[in-house]
Amino acid sequence: MRKLHVVLFVATLVIQQAHTQDSLRSKPVYLHSGKIGVGIDGITGSPNMLLKYFFNNQLAMEMIVGLEVYVPGGSPPTGSTKVTGITLRGGLGVLFHLTQDPVSFYVGAEGIFESAKSGGFYVTVPDPKNSVIGSGIFGAEYFFNERFTIGIKQALGVTVSFKRNQPKESTDINLNTSTLVTGRFYFN
């Protein structure tokens, strides 16, 4: 009787292991080489457009482009000039996905160049302020299906703002963090 219980127990373990292997094989593959997606981050602020490309099922590169325009209302006071504010952002990121599950965690790094011209009414028009932002990234994407994701991205970075002549400013260095909500659509 004892041998029968041991045989049934071992048989149950073997069947469960085989079933687990079958379910892993039938799990959908969300990340693969050549996968391309477009999206946005910073949904609540001035969003960036994202273009993501996977080199394999873990390593991806992301191109980041952003634009913000501020047009002040009204007419400038006598002796001042009305200036439209424009902020342009462009950069690259490298992301490494740690998991291949419907919730895919990733780590990475990104670098962004930003040129910001302040908008408003000025007696002396300010020069654009240029900055370089380097960040370490930790985030996650939730795959609703193979095409649509929503995610969150936490960045810990350094912003180096270069000096400008009008108004007189020196080079500044800031440590900062940011949390961004992301949304993406994948083509394949």
C-alpha atoms as a PDB file:
ATOM      1  CA  MET A   1       0.000   0.000   0.000  1.00  0.00           C
ATOM      2  CA  ARG A   2       2.830   2.364   0.849  1.00  0.00           C
ATOM      3  CA  LYS A   3       4.496   1.731  -2.526  1.00  0.00           C
ATOM      4  CA  LEU A   4       1.220   2.573  -4.289  1.00  0.00           C
ATOM      5  CA  HIS A   5       1.021   5.941  -2.449  1.00  0.00           C
ATOM      6  CA  VAL A   6       4.636   6.754  -3.376  1.00  0.00           C
ATOM      7  CA  VAL A   7       4.009   5.805  -7.035  1.00  0.00           C
ATOM      8  CA  LEU A   8       0.809   7.921  -7.139  1.00  0.00           C
ATOM      9  CA  PHE A   9       2.626  10.849  -5.515  1.00  0.00           C
ATOM     10  CA  VAL A  10       5.529  10.661  -7.997  1.00  0.00           C
ATOM     11  CA  ALA A  11       3.101  10.296 -10.922  1.00  0.00           C
ATOM     12  CA  THR A  12       1.182  13.360  -9.736  1.00  0.00           C
ATOM     13  CA  LEU A  13       4.411  15.384  -9.548  1.00  0.00           C
ATOM     14  CA  VAL A  14       5.445  14.305 -13.061  1.00  0.00           C
ATOM     15  CA  ILE A  15       2.024  15.198 -14.505  1.00  0.00           C
ATOM     16  CA  GLN A  16       2.040  18.599 -12.767  1.00  0.00           C
ATOM     17  CA  GLN A  17       5.555  19.330 -14.082  1.00  0.00           C
ATOM     18  CA  ALA A  18       4.546  18.382 -17.636  1.00  0.00           C
ATOM     19  CA  HIS A  19       1.419  20.563 -17.377  1.00  0.00           C
ATOM     20  CA  THR A  20       3.525  23.498 -16.103  1.00  0.00           C
ATOM     21  CA  GLN A  21       5.944  23.124 -19.028  1.00  0.00           C
ATOM     22  CA  ASP A  22       3.017  23.065 -21.502  1.00  0.00           C
ATOM     23  CA  SER A  23       1.475  26.197 -19.988  1.00  0.00           C
ATOM     24  CA  LEU A  24       4.838  27.996 -20.176  1.00  0.00           C
ATOM     25  CA  ARG A  25       5.177  27.079 -23.856  1.00  0.00           C
ATOM     26  CA  SER A  26       1.688  28.391 -24.621  1.00  0.00           C
ATOM     27  CA  LYS A  27       2.287  31.700 -22.793  1.00  0.00           C
ATOM     28  CA  PRO A  28       2.131  34.612 -25.259  1.00  0.00           C
ATOM     29  CA  VAL A  29       5.433  36.192 -26.293  1.00  0.00           C
ATOM     30  CA  TYR A  30       5.173  39.948 -25.753  1.00  0.00           C
ATOM     31  CA  LEU A  31       8.794  40.919 -26.441  1.00  0.00           C
ATOM     32  CA  HIS A  32      10.826  39.801 -29.450  1.00  0.00           C
ATOM     33  CA  SER A  33      13.525  40.943 -31.837  1.00  0.00           C
ATOM     34  CA  GLY A  34      12.321  43.615 -34.267  1.00  0.00           C
ATOM     35  CA  LYS A  35       9.323  44.700 -32.172  1.00  0.00           C
ATOM     36  CA  ILE A  36       8.551  48.403 -32.780  1.00  0.00           C
ATOM     37  CA  GLY A  37       6.309  50.641 -30.718  1.00  0.00           C
ATOM     38  CA  VAL A  38       5.284  54.274 -30.495  1.00  0.00           C
ATOM     39  CA  GLY A  39       4.018  56.006 -27.404  1.00  0.00           C
ATOM     40  CA  ILE A  40       4.091  58.952 -25.058  1.00  0.00           C
ATOM     41  CA  ASP A  41       5.412  59.596 -21.579  1.00  0.00           C
ATOM     42  CA  GLY A  42       4.675  62.400 -19.178  1.00  0.00           C
ATOM     43  CA  ILE A  43       0.979  62.171 -19.999  1.00  0.00           C
ATOM     44  CA  THR A  44       0.093  64.679 -17.269  1.00  0.00           C
ATOM     45  CA  GLY A  45       2.720  67.307 -18.243  1.00  0.00           C
ATOM     46  CA  SER A  46       4.367  68.208 -21.538  1.00  0.00           C
ATOM     47  CA  PRO A  47       4.534  64.743 -23.103  1.00  0.00           C
ATOM     48  CA  ASN A  48       7.399  63.256 -25.072  1.00  0.00           C
ATOM     49  CA  MET A  49       6.862  61.086 -28.144  1.00  0.00           C
ATOM     50  CA  LEU A  50       8.615  57.706 -27.888  1.00  0.00           C
ATOM     51  CA  LEU A  51       9.814  55.281 -30.552  1.00  0.00           C
ATOM     52  CA  LYS A  52      10.980  51.943 -29.128  1.00  0.00           C
ATOM     53  CA  TYR A  53      12.832  49.187 -31.017  1.00  0.00           C
ATOM     54  CA  PHE A  54      13.776  45.762 -29.602  1.00  0.00           C
ATOM     55  CA  PHE A  55      17.117  44.246 -30.648  1.00  0.00           C
ATOM     56  CA  ASN A  56      16.141  40.974 -28.932  1.00  0.00           C
ATOM     57  CA  ASN A  57      13.531  39.920 -26.368  1.00  0.00           C
ATOM     58  CA  GLN A  58      15.227  41.965 -23.601  1.00  0.00           C
ATOM     59  CA  LEU A  59      17.310  44.817 -25.053  1.00  0.00           C
ATOM     60  CA  ALA A  60      15.560  47.861 -26.540  1.00  0.00           C
ATOM     61  CA  MET A  61      16.490  51.347 -27.708  1.00  0.00           C
ATOM     62  CA  GLU A  62      14.106  54.258 -27.363  1.00  0.00           C
ATOM     63  CA  MET A  63      14.141  57.585 -29.199  1.00  0.00           C
ATOM     64  CA  ILE A  64      12.608  60.512 -27.271  1.00  0.00           C
ATOM     65  CA  VAL A  65      11.266  63.733 -28.850  1.00  0.00           C
ATOM     66  CA  GLY A  66       9.314  66.478 -27.087  1.00  0.00           C
ATOM     67  CA  LEU A  67       7.984  69.975 -27.802  1.00  0.00           C
ATOM     68  CA  GLU A  68       6.355  72.603 -25.629  1.00  0.00           C
ATOM     69  CA  VAL A  69       5.159  76.012 -26.905  1.00  0.00           C
ATOM     70  CA  TYR A  70       4.015  78.939 -24.787  1.00  0.00           C
ATOM     71  CA  VAL A  71       2.423  81.944 -26.519  1.00  0.00           C
ATOM     72  CA  PRO A  72       1.760  84.803 -24.091  1.00  0.00           C
ATOM     73  CA  GLY A  73      -1.533  86.602 -24.557  1.00  0.00           C
ATOM     74  CA  GLY A  74      -2.040  90.315 -24.997  1.00  0.00           C
ATOM     75  CA  SER A  75       0.154  93.057 -26.328  1.00  0.00           C
ATOM     76  CA  PRO A  76       3.601  93.875 -24.961  1.00  0.00           C
ATOM     77  CA  PRO A  77       3.994  97.007 -22.832  1.00  0.00           C
ATOM     78  CA  THR A  78       5.843  99.947 -24.389  1.00  0.00           C
ATOM     79  CA  GLY A  79       9.564  99.241 -24.679  1.00  0.00           C
ATOM     80  CA  SER A  80       9.258  95.440 -24.355  1.00  0.00           C
ATOM     81  CA  THR A  81       9.018  92.567 -26.805  1.00  0.00           C
ATOM     82  CA  LYS A  82       6.563  89.669 -26.842  1.00  0.00           C
ATOM     83  CA  VAL A  83       8.504  86.373 -26.982  1.00  0.00           C
ATOM     84  CA  THR A  84       7.016  82.963 -27.734  1.00  0.00           C
ATOM     85  CA  GLY A  85       8.481  80.311 -25.447  1.00  0.00           C
ATOM     86  CA  ILE A  86       9.655  77.085 -27.080  1.00  0.00           C
ATOM     87  CA  THR A  87      11.153  74.020 -25.423  1.00  0.00           C
ATOM     88  CA  LEU A  88      12.580  71.263 -27.643  1.00  0.00           C
ATOM     89  CA  ARG A  89      13.727  67.891 -26.284  1.00  0.00           C
ATOM     90  CA  GLY A  90      15.488  65.008 -28.017  1.00  0.00           C
ATOM     91  CA  GLY A  91      17.308  61.982 -26.709  1.00  0.00           C
ATOM     92  CA  LEU A  92      18.016  58.269 -26.652  1.00  0.00           C
ATOM     93  CA  GLY A  93      17.482  55.574 -24.062  1.00  0.00           C
ATOM     94  CA  VAL A  94      18.686  51.998 -23.701  1.00  0.00           C
ATOM     95  CA  LEU A  95      16.349  49.671 -21.793  1.00  0.00           C
ATOM     96  CA  PHE A  96      16.882  46.116 -20.551  1.00  0.00           C
ATOM     97  CA  HIS A  97      13.672  44.178 -19.800  1.00  0.00           C
ATOM     98  CA  LEU A  98      14.106  41.894 -16.796  1.00  0.00           C
ATOM     99  CA  THR A  99      10.934  39.844 -17.335  1.00  0.00           C
ATOM    100  CA  GLN A 100       8.950  38.512 -20.300  1.00  0.00           C
ATOM    101  CA  ASP A 101       5.597  38.492 -18.499  1.00  0.00           C
ATOM    102  CA  PRO A 102       2.468  40.607 -19.060  1.00  0.00           C
ATOM    103  CA  VAL A 103       4.027  42.958 -16.475  1.00  0.00           C
ATOM    104  CA  SER A 104       7.525  43.523 -17.851  1.00  0.00           C
ATOM    105  CA  PHE A 105       9.990  45.270 -15.528  1.00  0.00           C
ATOM    106  CA  TYR A 106      12.966  47.072 -17.041  1.00  0.00           C
ATOM    107  CA  VAL A 107      16.076  49.095 -16.126  1.00  0.00           C
ATOM    108  CA  GLY A 108      18.100  51.399 -18.318  1.00  0.00           C
ATOM    109  CA  ALA A 109      19.653  54.772 -18.978  1.00  0.00           C
ATOM    110  CA  GLU A 110      18.642  57.745 -21.077  1.00  0.00           C
ATOM    111  CA  GLY A 111      20.198  60.993 -22.208  1.00  0.00           C
ATOM    112  CA  ILE A 112      18.155  64.013 -23.326  1.00  0.00           C
ATOM    113  CA  PHE A 113      19.224  67.358 -24.799  1.00  0.00           C
ATOM    114  CA  GLU A 114      16.806  70.201 -24.080  1.00  0.00           C
ATOM    115  CA  SER A 115      16.760  73.762 -25.431  1.00  0.00           C
ATOM    116  CA  ALA A 116      14.304  76.074 -23.646  1.00  0.00           C
ATOM    117  CA  LYS A 117      13.493  79.657 -24.608  1.00  0.00           C
ATOM    118  CA  SER A 118      11.397  81.455 -21.991  1.00  0.00           C
ATOM    119  CA  GLY A 119       8.193  83.066 -23.219  1.00  0.00           C
ATOM    120  CA  GLY A 120       6.747  86.361 -22.026  1.00  0.00           C
ATOM    121  CA  PHE A 121       7.309  90.092 -22.321  1.00  0.00           C
ATOM    122  CA  TYR A 122      10.963  91.214 -22.156  1.00  0.00           C
ATOM    123  CA  VAL A 123      12.956  94.417 -22.484  1.00  0.00           C
ATOM    124  CA  THR A 124      16.016  92.280 -23.317  1.00  0.00           C
ATOM    125  CA  VAL A 125      15.134  89.011 -25.078  1.00  0.00           C
ATOM    126  CA  PRO A 126      16.700  86.038 -23.224  1.00  0.00           C
ATOM    127  CA  ASP A 127      18.890  83.469 -24.951  1.00  0.00           C
ATOM    128  CA  PRO A 128      17.675  79.862 -24.978  1.00  0.00           C
ATOM    129  CA  LYS A 129      18.848  77.782 -22.023  1.00  0.00           C
ATOM    130  CA  ASN A 130      20.409  74.473 -23.098  1.00  0.00           C
ATOM    131  CA  SER A 131      20.520  71.456 -20.790  1.00  0.00           C
ATOM    132  CA  VAL A 132      21.681  67.866 -20.874  1.00  0.00           C
ATOM    133  CA  ILE A 133      19.754  65.377 -18.730  1.00  0.00           C
ATOM    134  CA  GLY A 134      21.250  61.963 -17.939  1.00  0.00           C
ATOM    135  CA  SER A 135      19.102  59.500 -15.984  1.00  0.00           C
ATOM    136  CA  GLY A 136      19.043  55.972 -14.670  1.00  0.00           C
ATOM    137  CA  ILE A 137      15.637  54.392 -15.330  1.00  0.00           C
ATOM    138  CA  PHE A 138      13.518  51.783 -13.559  1.00  0.00           C
ATOM    139  CA  GLY A 139      10.057  51.021 -14.890  1.00  0.00           C
ATOM    140  CA  ALA A 140       7.383  48.524 -15.825  1.00  0.00           C
ATOM    141  CA  GLU A 141       4.995  48.030 -18.732  1.00  0.00           C
ATOM    142  CA  TYR A 142       1.675  46.229 -18.413  1.00  0.00           C
ATOM    143  CA  PHE A 143       0.669  44.471 -21.656  1.00  0.00           C
ATOM    144  CA  PHE A 144      -3.119  44.491 -22.088  1.00  0.00           C
ATOM    145  CA  ASN A 145      -2.366  42.364 -25.147  1.00  0.00           C
ATOM    146  CA  GLU A 146       0.540  42.125 -27.594  1.00  0.00           C
ATOM    147  CA  ARG A 147      -0.146  45.643 -28.969  1.00  0.00           C
ATOM    148  CA  PHE A 148      -1.174  47.971 -26.098  1.00  0.00           C
ATOM    149  CA  THR A 149       0.688  48.805 -22.887  1.00  0.00           C
ATOM    150  CA  ILE A 150       0.517  51.260 -20.051  1.00  0.00           C
ATOM    151  CA  GLY A 151       3.425  51.752 -17.731  1.00  0.00           C
ATOM    152  CA  ILE A 152       5.282  53.788 -15.200  1.00  0.00           C
ATOM    153  CA  LYS A 153       8.862  55.021 -15.421  1.00  0.00           C
ATOM    154  CA  GLN A 154      10.962  56.285 -12.500  1.00  0.00           C
ATOM    155  CA  ALA A 155      14.088  58.284 -13.381  1.00  0.00           C
ATOM    156  CA  LEU A 156      16.958  59.370 -11.148  1.00  0.00           C
ATOM    157  CA  GLY A 157      19.122  61.844 -12.996  1.00  0.00           C
ATOM    158  CA  VAL A 158      21.445  64.775 -13.290  1.00  0.00           C
ATOM    159  CA  THR A 159      20.577  67.931 -15.236  1.00  0.00           C
ATOM    160  CA  VAL A 160      23.444  70.130 -16.416  1.00  0.00           C
ATOM    161  CA  SER A 161      22.156  73.545 -17.570  1.00  0.00           C
ATOM    162  CA  PHE A 162      24.723  75.531 -19.543  1.00  0.00           C
ATOM    163  CA  LYS A 163      25.318  79.258 -19.050  1.00  0.00           C
ATOM    164  CA  ARG A 164      23.712  81.900 -21.263  1.00  0.00           C
ATOM    165  CA  ASN A 165      24.410  85.564 -21.863  1.00  0.00           C
ATOM    166  CA  GLN A 166      20.952  87.171 -21.542  1.00  0.00           C
ATOM    167  CA  PRO A 167      20.140  87.143 -18.649  1.00  0.00           C
ATOM    168  CA  LYS A 168      23.585  86.413 -17.260  1.00  0.00           C
ATOM    169  CA  GLU A 169      23.616  82.861 -15.901  1.00  0.00           C
ATOM    170  CA  SER A 170      26.250  80.310 -15.026  1.00  0.00           C
ATOM    171  CA  THR A 171      26.278  76.557 -15.525  1.00  0.00           C
ATOM    172  CA  ASP A 172      23.982  74.777 -13.040  1.00  0.00           C
ATOM    173  CA  ILE A 173      23.892  71.139 -11.967  1.00  0.00           C
ATOM    174  CA  ASN A 174      20.734  69.631 -10.441  1.00  0.00           C
ATOM    175  CA  LEU A 175      20.030  66.139  -9.123  1.00  0.00           C
ATOM    176  CA  ASN A 176      16.423  65.187  -9.770  1.00  0.00           C
ATOM    177  CA  THR A 177      13.863  62.425  -9.880  1.00  0.00           C
ATOM    178  CA  SER A 178      10.779  62.085 -12.023  1.00  0.00           C
ATOM    179  CA  THR A 179       7.912  59.658 -12.297  1.00  0.00           C
ATOM    180  CA  LEU A 180       6.199  59.409 -15.668  1.00  0.00           C
ATOM    181  CA  VAL A 181       3.162  57.474 -16.847  1.00  0.00           C
ATOM    182  CA  THR A 182       3.684  55.909 -20.282  1.00  0.00           C
ATOM    183  CA  GLY A 183       1.401  54.512 -22.951  1.00  0.00           C
ATOM    184  CA  ARG A 184       2.503  52.559 -26.034  1.00  0.00           C
ATOM    185  CA  PHE A 185       1.176  50.903 -29.173  1.00  0.00           C
ATOM    186  CA  TYR A 186       3.291  48.113 -30.717  1.00  0.00           C
ATOM    187  CA  PHE A 187       3.020  47.389 -34.440  1.00  0.00           C
ATOM    188  CA  ASN A 188       4.268  43.790 -34.389  1.00  0.00           C
END
